[in-house]
Protein backbone atom coordinates (compact mmCIF):
# COMPACT_ATOMS: atom_id res chain seq x y z
CA UNK A 1 25.12 -8.65 7.29
CA UNK A 2 22.00 -11.55 6.50
CA UNK A 3 18.94 -10.03 4.74
CA UNK A 4 15.74 -9.70 6.96
CA UNK A 5 12.46 -10.59 5.86
CA UNK A 6 9.67 -7.79 4.26
CA UNK A 7 8.76 -6.13 7.29
CA UNK A 8 11.54 -6.52 9.57
CA UNK A 9 11.81 -3.68 11.90
CA UNK A 10 15.17 -2.44 10.66
CA UNK A 11 16.30 1.31 9.92
CA UNK A 12 17.50 0.64 6.24
CA UNK A 13 15.17 -0.62 3.46
CA UNK A 14 16.00 -4.13 2.68
CA UNK A 15 15.06 -5.53 -0.70
CA UNK A 16 12.85 -2.98 -1.95
CA UNK A 17 10.37 -2.47 1.37
CA UNK A 18 10.76 0.67 3.49
CA UNK A 19 12.27 0.61 6.63
CA UNK A 20 9.84 0.79 8.80
CA UNK A 21 7.05 -1.10 6.91
CA UNK A 22 5.59 -3.79 8.95
CA UNK A 23 2.76 -6.26 8.60
CA UNK A 24 0.92 -7.51 11.39
CA UNK A 25 -2.01 -10.09 11.37
CA UNK A 26 -4.02 -11.78 13.89
CA UNK A 27 -6.47 -15.01 13.00
CA UNK A 28 -9.69 -15.95 15.21
CA UNK A 29 -12.80 -17.85 14.64
CA UNK A 30 -14.30 -15.00 12.39
CA UNK A 31 -11.40 -14.78 10.17
CA UNK A 32 -8.01 -13.18 9.38
CA UNK A 33 -6.86 -9.37 9.69
CA UNK A 34 -3.85 -7.93 8.63
CA UNK A 35 -2.70 -4.73 8.60
CA UNK A 36 0.36 -2.68 6.82
CA UNK A 37 1.82 -0.38 9.71
CA UNK A 38 4.53 2.74 8.42
CA UNK A 39 6.33 3.47 11.64
CA UNK A 40 9.31 5.61 12.24
CA UNK A 41 12.03 5.47 14.33
CA UNK A 42 15.22 3.31 15.48
CA UNK A 43 14.97 -0.65 15.99
CA UNK A 44 13.56 -0.67 19.07
CA UNK A 45 10.94 2.12 18.62
CA UNK A 46 9.55 0.36 15.59
CA UNK A 47 9.50 -3.14 17.70
CA UNK A 48 7.28 -1.71 20.29
CA UNK A 49 5.14 -0.03 17.70
CA UNK A 50 5.07 -3.08 15.96
CA UNK A 51 3.76 -4.86 19.16
CA UNK A 52 1.29 -2.09 19.99
CA UNK A 53 -0.06 -2.10 16.08
CA UNK A 54 -0.39 -6.07 16.40
CA UNK A 55 -2.33 -5.54 19.85
CA UNK A 56 -4.35 -2.98 18.28
CA UNK A 57 -5.32 -5.76 15.51
CA UNK A 58 -6.26 -8.18 18.54
CA UNK A 59 -8.20 -5.57 20.24
CA UNK A 60 -10.40 -4.87 17.43
CA UNK A 61 -11.34 -8.42 16.46
CA UNK A 62 -12.28 -9.32 19.93
CA UNK A 63 -14.19 -6.35 20.32
CA UNK A 64 -16.41 -7.49 17.07
CA UNK A 65 -16.55 -11.10 18.35
CA UNK A 66 -17.54 -10.01 21.72
CA UNK A 67 -20.28 -7.81 20.44
CA UNK A 68 -21.79 -10.70 18.57
CA UNK A 69 -22.27 -12.79 21.87
CA UNK A 70 -24.55 -10.92 23.33
């Protein structure tokens, strides 16, 4: 089985990285924000939660940028 990069939504630990640990990041004019997610569940559940986590980071950045416009 090919190795997966750190943070891949694999049910097993890979290369010393705990299963379900996924880094998400978002970059915008105000900078870059990263977040480490410690997720549980099968591959599909971790993938879904990773997407929600990434959208949450983006939402937070957009809200902070929007609050500075007015």
